[in-house]
């Protein structure tokens, strides 16, 4: 659960940096090349990974704590995690009722 919340924070940071980057206007005479766009995207990803590995902005911890509190509250109320296959109470659900063929195969 902690890893998922950290991944969510990293995704949020990546989208935030992408949105911030889209507001920057190109000030040169020429538009940036595809190579420059790819490089910029890769360096932004590098910044985001570094930022997230150093603790990020705390969003992942907040999400983890909220999920943990909800899970603990559910467990306190009697909700338990089901392990394995769900039991089937009655075998009638598995019985085939119509043994005649429905249609002909040509």
PDB file of N, CA and C in Angstrom:
ATOM      1  N   UNK A   1       0.827  -1.179   0.000  1.00  0.00           N
ATOM      2  CA  UNK A   1       0.000   0.000   0.000  1.00  0.00           C
ATOM      3  C   UNK A   1       0.881   1.256   0.000  1.00  0.00           C
ATOM      4  N   UNK A   2       1.986   1.193   0.737  1.00  0.00           N
ATOM      5  CA  UNK A   2       2.879   2.348   0.757  1.00  0.00           C
ATOM      6  C   UNK A   2       3.498   2.574  -0.616  1.00  0.00           C
ATOM      7  N   UNK A   3       3.888   1.497  -1.269  1.00  0.00           N
ATOM      8  CA  UNK A   3       4.503   1.625  -2.593  1.00  0.00           C
ATOM      9  C   UNK A   3       3.513   2.217  -3.596  1.00  0.00           C
ATOM     10  N   UNK A   4       2.259   1.795  -3.522  1.00  0.00           N
ATOM     11  CA  UNK A   4       1.240   2.329  -4.431  1.00  0.00           C
ATOM     12  C   UNK A   4       1.016   3.814  -4.182  1.00  0.00           C
ATOM     13  N   UNK A   5       1.011   4.226  -2.923  1.00  0.00           N
ATOM     14  CA  UNK A   5       0.808   5.651  -2.628  1.00  0.00           C
ATOM     15  C   UNK A   5       2.009   6.480  -3.078  1.00  0.00           C
ATOM     16  N   UNK A   6       3.214   5.926  -2.976  1.00  0.00           N
ATOM     17  CA  UNK A   6       4.401   6.634  -3.457  1.00  0.00           C
ATOM     18  C   UNK A   6       4.382   6.732  -4.988  1.00  0.00           C
ATOM     19  N   UNK A   7       3.924   5.673  -5.641  1.00  0.00           N
ATOM     20  CA  UNK A   7       3.824   5.708  -7.102  1.00  0.00           C
ATOM     21  C   UNK A   7       2.788   6.736  -7.545  1.00  0.00           C
ATOM     22  N   UNK A   8       1.696   6.850  -6.793  1.00  0.00           N
ATOM     23  CA  UNK A   8       0.677   7.848  -7.116  1.00  0.00           C
ATOM     24  C   UNK A   8       1.256   9.250  -6.982  1.00  0.00           C
ATOM     25  N   UNK A   9       2.036   9.476  -5.920  1.00  0.00           N
ATOM     26  CA  UNK A   9       2.654  10.791  -5.743  1.00  0.00           C
ATOM     27  C   UNK A   9       3.611  11.090  -6.891  1.00  0.00           C
ATOM     28  N   UNK A  10       4.381  10.106  -7.303  1.00  0.00           N
ATOM     29  CA  UNK A  10       5.325  10.310  -8.401  1.00  0.00           C
ATOM     30  C   UNK A  10       4.577  10.629  -9.697  1.00  0.00           C
ATOM     31  N   UNK A  11       3.474   9.948  -9.935  1.00  0.00           N
ATOM     32  CA  UNK A  11       2.663  10.239 -11.125  1.00  0.00           C
ATOM     33  C   UNK A  11       2.100  11.658 -11.048  1.00  0.00           C
ATOM     34  N   UNK A  12       1.622  12.060  -9.878  1.00  0.00           N
ATOM     35  CA  UNK A  12       1.095  13.411  -9.686  1.00  0.00           C
ATOM     36  C   UNK A  12       2.177  14.453  -9.967  1.00  0.00           C
ATOM     37  N   UNK A  13       3.377  14.226  -9.447  1.00  0.00           N
ATOM     38  CA  UNK A  13       4.480  15.166  -9.673  1.00  0.00           C
ATOM     39  C   UNK A  13       4.830  15.248 -11.157  1.00  0.00           C
ATOM     40  N   UNK A  14       4.829  14.102 -11.829  1.00  0.00           N
ATOM     41  CA  UNK A  14       5.152  14.078 -13.264  1.00  0.00           C
ATOM     42  C   UNK A  14       4.124  14.897 -14.052  1.00  0.00           C
ATOM     43  N   UNK A  15       2.851  14.724 -13.736  1.00  0.00           N
ATOM     44  CA  UNK A  15       1.806  15.487 -14.423  1.00  0.00           C
ATOM     45  C   UNK A  15       1.904  16.975 -14.091  1.00  0.00           C
ATOM     46  N   UNK A  16       2.269  17.296 -12.862  1.00  0.00           N
ATOM     47  CA  UNK A  16       2.412  18.694 -12.466  1.00  0.00           C
ATOM     48  C   UNK A  16       3.560  19.359 -13.230  1.00  0.00           C
ATOM     49  N   UNK A  17       4.693  18.664 -13.334  1.00  0.00           N
ATOM     50  CA  UNK A  17       5.839  19.212 -14.068  1.00  0.00           C
ATOM     51  C   UNK A  17       5.491  19.352 -15.551  1.00  0.00           C
ATOM     52  N   UNK A  18       4.766  18.375 -16.096  1.00  0.00           N
ATOM     53  CA  UNK A  18       4.363  18.448 -17.503  1.00  0.00           C
ATOM     54  C   UNK A  18       3.460  19.665 -17.740  1.00  0.00           C
ATOM     55  N   UNK A  19       2.526  19.907 -16.822  1.00  0.00           N
ATOM     56  CA  UNK A  19       1.639  21.067 -16.952  1.00  0.00           C
ATOM     57  C   UNK A  19       2.424  22.368 -16.809  1.00  0.00           C
ATOM     58  N   UNK A  20       3.380  22.392 -15.888  1.00  0.00           N
ATOM     59  CA  UNK A  20       4.207  23.591 -15.721  1.00  0.00           C
ATOM     60  C   UNK A  20       5.034  23.842 -16.972  1.00  0.00           C
ATOM     61  N   UNK A  21       5.601  22.777 -17.540  1.00  0.00           N
ATOM     62  CA  UNK A  21       6.436  22.902 -18.736  1.00  0.00           C
ATOM     63  C   UNK A  21       5.613  23.419 -19.920  1.00  0.00           C
ATOM     64  N   UNK A  22       4.343  23.043 -19.986  1.00  0.00           N
ATOM     65  CA  UNK A  22       3.511  23.463 -21.121  1.00  0.00           C
ATOM     66  C   UNK A  22       3.199  24.959 -21.088  1.00  0.00           C
ATOM     67  N   UNK A  23       3.384  25.609 -19.949  1.00  0.00           N
ATOM     68  CA  UNK A  23       3.116  27.050 -19.863  1.00  0.00           C
ATOM     69  C   UNK A  23       4.309  27.887 -20.308  1.00  0.00           C
ATOM     70  N   UNK A  24       5.483  27.263 -20.442  1.00  0.00           N
ATOM     71  CA  UNK A  24       6.694  27.988 -20.834  1.00  0.00           C
ATOM     72  C   UNK A  24       6.685  28.184 -22.345  1.00  0.00           C
ATOM     73  N   UNK A  25       6.826  29.429 -22.768  1.00  0.00           N
ATOM     74  CA  UNK A  25       6.844  29.724 -24.198  1.00  0.00           C
ATOM     75  C   UNK A  25       8.267  29.622 -24.728  1.00  0.00           C
ATOM     76  N   UNK A  26       8.371  29.208 -25.982  1.00  0.00           N
ATOM     77  CA  UNK A  26       9.674  29.142 -26.637  1.00  0.00           C
ATOM     78  C   UNK A  26      10.045  30.546 -27.086  1.00  0.00           C
ATOM     79  N   UNK A  27      11.234  30.995 -26.708  1.00  0.00           N
ATOM     80  CA  UNK A  27      11.620  32.363 -27.009  1.00  0.00           C
ATOM     81  C   UNK A  27      12.565  32.505 -28.184  1.00  0.00           C
ATOM     82  N   UNK A  28      12.869  31.424 -28.863  1.00  0.00           N
ATOM     83  CA  UNK A  28      13.825  31.501 -29.959  1.00  0.00           C
ATOM     84  C   UNK A  28      13.164  31.748 -31.296  1.00  0.00           C
ATOM     85  N   UNK A  29      13.996  31.807 -32.308  1.00  0.00           N
ATOM     86  CA  UNK A  29      13.500  31.997 -33.664  1.00  0.00           C
ATOM     87  C   UNK A  29      12.906  30.713 -34.232  1.00  0.00           C
ATOM     88  N   UNK A  30      13.374  29.568 -33.710  1.00  0.00           N
ATOM     89  CA  UNK A  30      12.903  28.282 -34.228  1.00  0.00           C
ATOM     90  C   UNK A  30      12.184  27.521 -33.124  1.00  0.00           C
ATOM     91  N   UNK A  31      11.287  26.658 -33.558  1.00  0.00           N
ATOM     92  CA  UNK A  31      10.598  25.768 -32.624  1.00  0.00           C
ATOM     93  C   UNK A  31      11.585  24.696 -32.153  1.00  0.00           C
ATOM     94  N   UNK A  32      11.401  24.161 -30.949  1.00  0.00           N
ATOM     95  CA  UNK A  32      12.309  23.106 -30.486  1.00  0.00           C
ATOM     96  C   UNK A  32      12.178  21.846 -31.347  1.00  0.00           C
ATOM     97  N   UNK A  33      13.290  21.178 -31.542  1.00  0.00           N
ATOM     98  CA  UNK A  33      13.292  19.952 -32.343  1.00  0.00           C
ATOM     99  C   UNK A  33      12.725  18.800 -31.518  1.00  0.00           C
ATOM    100  N   UNK A  34      12.459  17.685 -32.186  1.00  0.00           N
ATOM    101  CA  UNK A  34      11.954  16.491 -31.499  1.00  0.00           C
ATOM    102  C   UNK A  34      12.968  16.012 -30.465  1.00  0.00           C
ATOM    103  N   UNK A  35      14.253  16.086 -30.794  1.00  0.00           N
ATOM    104  CA  UNK A  35      15.295  15.668 -29.858  1.00  0.00           C
ATOM    105  C   UNK A  35      15.271  16.532 -28.598  1.00  0.00           C
ATOM    106  N   UNK A  36      15.077  17.830 -28.761  1.00  0.00           N
ATOM    107  CA  UNK A  36      15.006  18.720 -27.599  1.00  0.00           C
ATOM    108  C   UNK A  36      13.787  18.401 -26.738  1.00  0.00           C
ATOM    109  N   UNK A  37      12.670  18.097 -27.382  1.00  0.00           N
ATOM    110  CA  UNK A  37      11.457  17.746 -26.633  1.00  0.00           C
ATOM    111  C   UNK A  37      11.654  16.456 -25.841  1.00  0.00           C
ATOM    112  N   UNK A  38      12.283  15.467 -26.484  1.00  0.00           N
ATOM    113  CA  UNK A  38      12.544  14.193 -25.808  1.00  0.00           C
ATOM    114  C   UNK A  38      13.507  14.404 -24.646  1.00  0.00           C
ATOM    115  N   UNK A  39      14.571  15.165 -24.870  1.00  0.00           N
ATOM    116  CA  UNK A  39      15.541  15.439 -23.812  1.00  0.00           C
ATOM    117  C   UNK A  39      14.860  16.148 -22.643  1.00  0.00           C
ATOM    118  N   UNK A  40      14.036  17.125 -22.946  1.00  0.00           N
ATOM    119  CA  UNK A  40      13.340  17.879 -21.899  1.00  0.00           C
ATOM    120  C   UNK A  40      12.425  16.956 -21.085  1.00  0.00           C
ATOM    121  N   UNK A  41      11.736  16.048 -21.779  1.00  0.00           N
ATOM    122  CA  UNK A  41      10.856  15.099 -21.091  1.00  0.00           C
ATOM    123  C   UNK A  41      11.654  14.154 -20.194  1.00  0.00           C
ATOM    124  N   UNK A  42      12.794  13.675 -20.703  1.00  0.00           N
ATOM    125  CA  UNK A  42      13.636  12.764 -19.916  1.00  0.00           C
ATOM    126  C   UNK A  42      14.229  13.466 -18.699  1.00  0.00           C
ATOM    127  N   UNK A  43      14.658  14.698 -18.867  1.00  0.00           N
ATOM    128  CA  UNK A  43      15.235  15.408 -17.727  1.00  0.00           C
ATOM    129  C   UNK A  43      14.154  15.744 -16.701  1.00  0.00           C
ATOM    130  N   UNK A  44      12.941  16.035 -17.168  1.00  0.00           N
ATOM    131  CA  UNK A  44      11.829  16.256 -16.241  1.00  0.00           C
ATOM    132  C   UNK A  44      11.530  14.985 -15.450  1.00  0.00           C
ATOM    133  N   UNK A  45      11.543  13.827 -16.130  1.00  0.00           N
ATOM    134  CA  UNK A  45      11.339  12.552 -15.438  1.00  0.00           C
ATOM    135  C   UNK A  45      12.431  12.311 -14.405  1.00  0.00           C
ATOM    136  N   UNK A  46      13.655  12.671 -14.748  1.00  0.00           N
ATOM    137  CA  UNK A  46      14.769  12.530 -13.813  1.00  0.00           C
ATOM    138  C   UNK A  46      14.567  13.410 -12.582  1.00  0.00           C
ATOM    139  N   UNK A  47      14.118  14.636 -12.801  1.00  0.00           N
ATOM    140  CA  UNK A  47      13.838  15.537 -11.678  1.00  0.00           C
ATOM    141  C   UNK A  47      12.740  14.971 -10.783  1.00  0.00           C
ATOM    142  N   UNK A  48      11.691  14.455 -11.405  1.00  0.00           N
ATOM    143  CA  UNK A  48      10.565  13.915 -10.640  1.00  0.00           C
ATOM    144  C   UNK A  48      11.005  12.712  -9.812  1.00  0.00           C
ATOM    145  N   UNK A  49      11.778  11.805 -10.405  1.00  0.00           N
ATOM    146  CA  UNK A  49      12.261  10.639  -9.663  1.00  0.00           C
ATOM    147  C   UNK A  49      13.131  11.056  -8.493  1.00  0.00           C
ATOM    148  N   UNK A  50      14.023  12.000  -8.728  1.00  0.00           N
ATOM    149  CA  UNK A  50      14.886  12.495  -7.660  1.00  0.00           C
ATOM    150  C   UNK A  50      14.064  13.151  -6.557  1.00  0.00           C
ATOM    151  N   UNK A  51      13.092  13.939  -6.958  1.00  0.00           N
ATOM    152  CA  UNK A  51      12.222  14.635  -6.015  1.00  0.00           C
ATOM    153  C   UNK A  51      11.429  13.625  -5.181  1.00  0.00           C
ATOM    154  N   UNK A  52      10.862  12.617  -5.845  1.00  0.00           N
ATOM    155  CA  UNK A  52      10.063  11.607  -5.149  1.00  0.00           C
ATOM    156  C   UNK A  52      10.928  10.766  -4.217  1.00  0.00           C
ATOM    157  N   UNK A  53      12.156  10.437  -4.638  1.00  0.00           N
ATOM    158  CA  UNK A  53      13.048   9.629  -3.802  1.00  0.00           C
ATOM    159  C   UNK A  53      13.514  10.370  -2.555  1.00  0.00           C
ATOM    160  N   UNK A  54      13.456  11.680  -2.585  1.00  0.00           N
ATOM    161  CA  UNK A  54      13.856  12.476  -1.420  1.00  0.00           C
ATOM    162  C   UNK A  54      12.666  12.841  -0.539  1.00  0.00           C
ATOM    163  N   UNK A  55      11.525  12.190  -0.760  1.00  0.00           N
ATOM    164  CA  UNK A  55      10.371  12.435   0.090  1.00  0.00           C
ATOM    165  C   UNK A  55       9.233  13.134  -0.601  1.00  0.00           C
ATOM    166  N   UNK A  56       9.464  13.660  -1.777  1.00  0.00           N
ATOM    167  CA  UNK A  56       8.401  14.317  -2.530  1.00  0.00           C
ATOM    168  C   UNK A  56       7.814  15.502  -1.794  1.00  0.00           C
ATOM    169  N   UNK A  57       6.512  15.658  -1.929  1.00  0.00           N
ATOM    170  CA  UNK A  57       5.830  16.778  -1.279  1.00  0.00           C
ATOM    171  C   UNK A  57       4.963  16.295  -0.120  1.00  0.00           C
ATOM    172  N   UNK A  58       5.059  15.013   0.201  1.00  0.00           N
ATOM    173  CA  UNK A  58       4.294  14.465   1.313  1.00  0.00           C
ATOM    174  C   UNK A  58       2.936  13.910   0.916  1.00  0.00           C
ATOM    175  N   UNK A  59       2.599  13.980  -0.362  1.00  0.00           N
ATOM    176  CA  UNK A  59       1.305  13.487  -0.822  1.00  0.00           C
ATOM    177  C   UNK A  59       1.193  11.973  -0.638  1.00  0.00           C
ATOM    178  N   UNK A  60       2.255  11.252  -0.943  1.00  0.00           N
ATOM    179  CA  UNK A  60       2.245   9.795  -0.789  1.00  0.00           C
ATOM    180  C   UNK A  60       2.017   9.382   0.654  1.00  0.00           C
ATOM    181  N   UNK A  61       2.645  10.077   1.593  1.00  0.00           N
ATOM    182  CA  UNK A  61       2.450   9.776   3.012  1.00  0.00           C
ATOM    183  C   UNK A  61       1.020  10.079   3.449  1.00  0.00           C
ATOM    184  N   UNK A  62       0.472  11.182   2.961  1.00  0.00           N
ATOM    185  CA  UNK A  62      -0.908  11.537   3.312  1.00  0.00           C
ATOM    186  C   UNK A  62      -1.883  10.481   2.790  1.00  0.00           C
ATOM    187  N   UNK A  63      -1.685  10.033   1.555  1.00  0.00           N
ATOM    188  CA  UNK A  63      -2.559   9.011   0.975  1.00  0.00           C
ATOM    189  C   UNK A  63      -2.432   7.710   1.758  1.00  0.00           C
ATOM    190  N   UNK A  64      -1.201   7.314   2.065  1.00  0.00           N
ATOM    191  CA  UNK A  64      -0.972   6.078   2.816  1.00  0.00           C
ATOM    192  C   UNK A  64      -1.650   6.135   4.180  1.00  0.00           C
ATOM    193  N   UNK A  65      -1.500   7.246   4.884  1.00  0.00           N
ATOM    194  CA  UNK A  65      -2.100   7.372   6.215  1.00  0.00           C
ATOM    195  C   UNK A  65      -3.623   7.315   6.149  1.00  0.00           C
ATOM    196  N   UNK A  66      -4.211   7.963   5.151  1.00  0.00           N
ATOM    197  CA  UNK A  66      -5.672   7.922   5.013  1.00  0.00           C
ATOM    198  C   UNK A  66      -6.160   6.508   4.699  1.00  0.00           C
ATOM    199  N   UNK A  67      -5.467   5.823   3.804  1.00  0.00           N
ATOM    200  CA  UNK A  67      -5.862   4.452   3.474  1.00  0.00           C
ATOM    201  C   UNK A  67      -5.702   3.527   4.677  1.00  0.00           C
ATOM    202  N   UNK A  68      -4.614   3.697   5.417  1.00  0.00           N
ATOM    203  CA  UNK A  68      -4.370   2.870   6.600  1.00  0.00           C
ATOM    204  C   UNK A  68      -5.462   3.094   7.647  1.00  0.00           C
ATOM    205  N   UNK A  69      -5.842   4.363   7.875  1.00  0.00           N
ATOM    206  CA  UNK A  69      -6.893   4.664   8.846  1.00  0.00           C
ATOM    207  C   UNK A  69      -8.222   4.047   8.427  1.00  0.00           C
ATOM    208  N   UNK A  70      -8.545   4.142   7.147  1.00  0.00           N
ATOM    209  CA  UNK A  70      -9.805   3.549   6.670  1.00  0.00           C
ATOM    210  C   UNK A  70      -9.795   2.037   6.810  1.00  0.00           C
ATOM    211  N   UNK A  71      -8.667   1.423   6.483  1.00  0.00           N
ATOM    212  CA  UNK A  71      -8.566  -0.024   6.579  1.00  0.00           C
ATOM    213  C   UNK A  71      -8.673  -0.475   8.030  1.00  0.00           C
ATOM    214  N   UNK A  72      -8.034   0.240   8.942  1.00  0.00           N
ATOM    215  CA  UNK A  72      -8.121  -0.098  10.363  1.00  0.00           C
ATOM    216  C   UNK A  72      -9.540   0.079  10.876  1.00  0.00           C
ATOM    217  N   UNK A  73     -10.226   1.123  10.418  1.00  0.00           N
ATOM    218  CA  UNK A  73     -11.611   1.349  10.840  1.00  0.00           C
ATOM    219  C   UNK A  73     -12.515   0.233  10.329  1.00  0.00           C
ATOM    220  N   UNK A  74     -12.297  -0.209   9.103  1.00  0.00           N
ATOM    221  CA  UNK A  74     -13.103  -1.308   8.556  1.00  0.00           C
ATOM    222  C   UNK A  74     -12.842  -2.597   9.319  1.00  0.00           C
ATOM    223  N   UNK A  75     -11.583  -2.870   9.639  1.00  0.00           N
ATOM    224  CA  UNK A  75     -11.259  -4.085  10.383  1.00  0.00           C
ATOM    225  C   UNK A  75     -11.854  -4.045  11.780  1.00  0.00           C
ATOM    226  N   UNK A  76     -11.920  -2.870  12.378  1.00  0.00           N
ATOM    227  CA  UNK A  76     -12.507  -2.737  13.707  1.00  0.00           C
ATOM    228  C   UNK A  76     -14.010  -2.989  13.671  1.00  0.00           C
ATOM    229  N   UNK A  77     -14.656  -2.700  12.543  1.00  0.00           N
ATOM    230  CA  UNK A  77     -16.103  -2.903  12.418  1.00  0.00           C
ATOM    231  C   UNK A  77     -16.457  -4.343  12.072  1.00  0.00           C
ATOM    232  N   UNK A  78     -15.472  -5.176  11.849  1.00  0.00           N
ATOM    233  CA  UNK A  78     -15.757  -6.573  11.560  1.00  0.00           C
ATOM    234  C   UNK A  78     -15.546  -6.979  10.116  1.00  0.00           C
ATOM    235  N   UNK A  79     -15.045  -6.094   9.303  1.00  0.00           N
ATOM    236  CA  UNK A  79     -14.732  -6.456   7.925  1.00  0.00           C
ATOM    237  C   UNK A  79     -13.399  -7.195   7.924  1.00  0.00           C
ATOM    238  N   UNK A  80     -13.374  -8.320   7.271  1.00  0.00           N
ATOM    239  CA  UNK A  80     -12.138  -9.093   7.205  1.00  0.00           C
ATOM    240  C   UNK A  80     -11.817  -9.376   5.750  1.00  0.00           C
ATOM    241  N   UNK A  81     -10.567  -9.424   5.481  1.00  0.00           N
ATOM    242  CA  UNK A  81     -10.126  -9.701   4.115  1.00  0.00           C
ATOM    243  C   UNK A  81     -10.354 -11.172   3.805  1.00  0.00           C
ATOM    244  N   UNK A  82     -11.015 -11.441   2.696  1.00  0.00           N
ATOM    245  CA  UNK A  82     -11.275 -12.808   2.277  1.00  0.00           C
ATOM    246  C   UNK A  82     -10.007 -13.378   1.665  1.00  0.00           C
ATOM    247  N   UNK A  83      -9.624 -14.553   2.104  1.00  0.00           N
ATOM    248  CA  UNK A  83      -8.445 -15.206   1.548  1.00  0.00           C
ATOM    249  C   UNK A  83      -8.899 -16.447   0.796  1.00  0.00           C
ATOM    250  N   UNK A  84      -8.385 -16.627  -0.386  1.00  0.00           N
ATOM    251  CA  UNK A  84      -8.745 -17.775  -1.190  1.00  0.00           C
ATOM    252  C   UNK A  84     -10.041 -17.546  -1.947  1.00  0.00           C
ATOM    253  N   UNK A  85     -10.576 -18.618  -2.482  1.00  0.00           N
ATOM    254  CA  UNK A  85     -11.804 -18.534  -3.269  1.00  0.00           C
ATOM    255  C   UNK A  85     -13.003 -18.310  -2.355  1.00  0.00           C
ATOM    256  N   UNK A  86     -14.010 -17.650  -2.879  1.00  0.00           N
ATOM    257  CA  UNK A  86     -15.239 -17.445  -2.116  1.00  0.00           C
ATOM    258  C   UNK A  86     -15.992 -18.773  -2.017  1.00  0.00           C
ATOM    259  N   UNK A  87     -16.527 -19.101  -0.849  1.00  0.00           N
ATOM    260  CA  UNK A  87     -17.270 -20.358  -0.722  1.00  0.00           C
ATOM    261  C   UNK A  87     -18.617 -20.266  -1.440  1.00  0.00           C
ATOM    262  N   UNK A  88     -19.039 -21.375  -2.026  1.00  0.00           N
ATOM    263  CA  UNK A  88     -20.343 -21.440  -2.682  1.00  0.00           C
ATOM    264  C   UNK A  88     -21.268 -22.196  -1.741  1.00  0.00           C
ATOM    265  N   UNK A  89     -22.355 -21.561  -1.346  1.00  0.00           N
ATOM    266  CA  UNK A  89     -23.247 -22.126  -0.340  1.00  0.00           C
ATOM    267  C   UNK A  89     -24.060 -23.294  -0.875  1.00  0.00           C
ATOM    268  N   UNK A  90     -24.449 -23.263  -2.119  1.00  0.00           N
ATOM    269  CA  UNK A  90     -25.335 -24.291  -2.644  1.00  0.00           C
ATOM    270  C   UNK A  90     -24.879 -24.672  -4.048  1.00  0.00           C
ATOM    271  N   UNK A  91     -24.870 -25.963  -4.317  1.00  0.00           N
ATOM    272  CA  UNK A  91     -24.400 -26.452  -5.616  1.00  0.00           C
ATOM    273  C   UNK A  91     -25.413 -26.237  -6.743  1.00  0.00           C
ATOM    274  N   UNK A  92     -26.630 -25.781  -6.426  1.00  0.00           N
ATOM    275  CA  UNK A  92     -27.636 -25.608  -7.473  1.00  0.00           C
ATOM    276  C   UNK A  92     -27.228 -24.550  -8.492  1.00  0.00           C
ATOM    277  N   UNK A  93     -26.348 -23.663  -8.099  1.00  0.00           N
ATOM    278  CA  UNK A  93     -25.910 -22.621  -9.020  1.00  0.00           C
ATOM    279  C   UNK A  93     -25.029 -23.174 -10.132  1.00  0.00           C
ATOM    280  N   UNK A  94     -24.467 -24.344  -9.912  1.00  0.00           N
ATOM    281  CA  UNK A  94     -23.570 -24.937 -10.895  1.00  0.00           C
ATOM    282  C   UNK A  94     -24.260 -25.972 -11.784  1.00  0.00           C
ATOM    283  N   UNK A  95     -25.486 -26.345 -11.452  1.00  0.00           N
ATOM    284  CA  UNK A  95     -26.186 -27.381 -12.208  1.00  0.00           C
ATOM    285  C   UNK A  95     -26.618 -26.851 -13.574  1.00  0.00           C
ATOM    286  N   UNK A  96     -26.559 -27.731 -14.578  1.00  0.00           N
ATOM    287  CA  UNK A  96     -27.031 -27.389 -15.920  1.00  0.00           C
ATOM    288  C   UNK A  96     -28.490 -27.797 -15.985  1.00  0.00           C
ATOM    289  N   UNK A  97     -29.376 -26.841 -16.240  1.00  0.00           N
ATOM    290  CA  UNK A  97     -30.808 -27.118 -16.193  1.00  0.00           C
ATOM    291  C   UNK A  97     -31.344 -27.634 -17.523  1.00  0.00           C
ATOM    292  N   UNK A  98     -30.855 -27.155 -18.634  1.00  0.00           N
ATOM    293  CA  UNK A  98     -31.360 -27.557 -19.937  1.00  0.00           C
ATOM    294  C   UNK A  98     -30.334 -28.473 -20.584  1.00  0.00           C
ATOM    295  N   UNK A  99     -30.695 -29.768 -20.685  1.00  0.00           N
ATOM    296  CA  UNK A  99     -29.751 -30.727 -21.249  1.00  0.00           C
ATOM    297  C   UNK A  99     -29.964 -30.935 -22.744  1.00  0.00           C
ATOM    298  N   UNK A 100     -31.031 -30.342 -23.297  1.00  0.00           N
ATOM    299  CA  UNK A 100     -31.298 -30.457 -24.727  1.00  0.00           C
ATOM    300  C   UNK A 100     -30.516 -29.379 -25.469  1.00  0.00           C
ATOM    301  N   UNK A 101     -30.060 -29.678 -26.689  1.00  0.00           N
ATOM    302  CA  UNK A 101     -29.371 -28.648 -27.466  1.00  0.00           C
ATOM    303  C   UNK A 101     -30.317 -27.504 -27.799  1.00  0.00           C
ATOM    304  N   UNK A 102     -29.824 -26.319 -27.766  1.00  0.00           N
ATOM    305  CA  UNK A 102     -30.631 -25.136 -28.029  1.00  0.00           C
ATOM    306  C   UNK A 102     -30.882 -24.968 -29.515  1.00  0.00           C
ATOM    307  N   UNK A 103     -29.927 -25.219 -30.325  1.00  0.00           N
ATOM    308  CA  UNK A 103     -30.078 -25.045 -31.765  1.00  0.00           C
ATOM    309  C   UNK A 103     -29.218 -26.039 -32.510  1.00  0.00           C
ATOM    310  N   UNK A 104     -29.458 -26.158 -33.808  1.00  0.00           N
ATOM    311  CA  UNK A 104     -28.669 -27.074 -34.628  1.00  0.00           C
ATOM    312  C   UNK A 104     -27.429 -26.367 -35.136  1.00  0.00           C
ATOM    313  N   UNK A 105     -26.387 -27.143 -35.257  1.00  0.00           N
ATOM    314  CA  UNK A 105     -25.175 -26.659 -35.908  1.00  0.00           C
ATOM    315  C   UNK A 105     -25.195 -27.157 -37.339  1.00  0.00           C
ATOM    316  N   UNK A 106     -25.056 -26.299 -38.288  1.00  0.00           N
ATOM    317  CA  UNK A 106     -25.071 -26.692 -39.704  1.00  0.00           C
ATOM    318  C   UNK A 106     -23.713 -27.075 -40.177  1.00  0.00           C
TER     319      UNK A 106
END
